[in-house]
């Protein structure tokens, strides 16, 4: 009898509902798969304190850079599925790296339990004032008059920015000269100096140059206008119907995390993102803030992944 009671007690302790009741029982680690200072790291630090308040437990940001985000993502994928270790996941490790790397130490669709989106950073089509290009129509006309010679920079080959360039060129029916750099900083420096004529980049990286007038912004790449640049049209509005490209960011737990725990985390993230001060900080970075259901976040990851897989296959893009 005592053994039976003990088994019942053990079953209760290990049940998903009980796990949610006692969660979180210790500090939560948010793994940022990049070095400090970038958009993903800054975003994690914006939500860390209010998330700790919402959950009643300490939240620690843990930077684990390497492999373009792959090392940190793999660490979380292999962690105990109890909700105490989370990935601050972005489009890089979730929907871009699975396309450009032949082998990854994780499966972005199978090894994570999405919790909620936090924000999406629009990409923007930029032009150097020295280029004389003042609109998307100007860019397309220039590209058609000089096939394969109009320069367009990105933060690197095999990045979301690069894929966005290829998608635009395909939809516009033009050939552009892609110039990849090692990060947004060097590319923006060359664009400011006029060494390259145009660029597609994260708004978060270039918003300062846009607002002070040193760079001209031609369009944003998301389905809706950027909160930070409400007067700038989307490519979809300009006739490139269905064009979508952004850098998605959200929180994910390891696959197998009990659903009640995921639900509790989701409710906490929603509470954080409903805070006007938090939302305003993200808008100041050029991001569109917003929480989602786990299911919606999962669909967005899958949709992005399928979009880039189809593009790479269609254009036969190769990555070293």
Foldseek 3Di string as FASTA:
>chain_A
DVVVVVVVVVCCCPDLVNLLVCPPVAEAEEEEQADPDDPLNVLCVLLQVLLCVLRVYHYHYHYRYDDQSQVSVLVQLPDDQSRRYKYFDKCRVQAQCVQADPDGSDHNQAWWQFQKWFWWFWKFKKFAVVLVDQAPVSVLVVQVVPAADQEEEELAPSDLFNLLVLVVCVLSVGHYPYDYHNGPVVVVVCRLVVVHTMYIYTCLVCVVCCVVVSMHTHAIQAPADFPLCNPHHHVCVVPSNPGHTIMITGMIGTPPRRPSNSNSSNVSSQVSQVPVVSQVVQSVSRIHTDIDHSVVVSVVSVVSNVVSNVSCVVVVDHDD
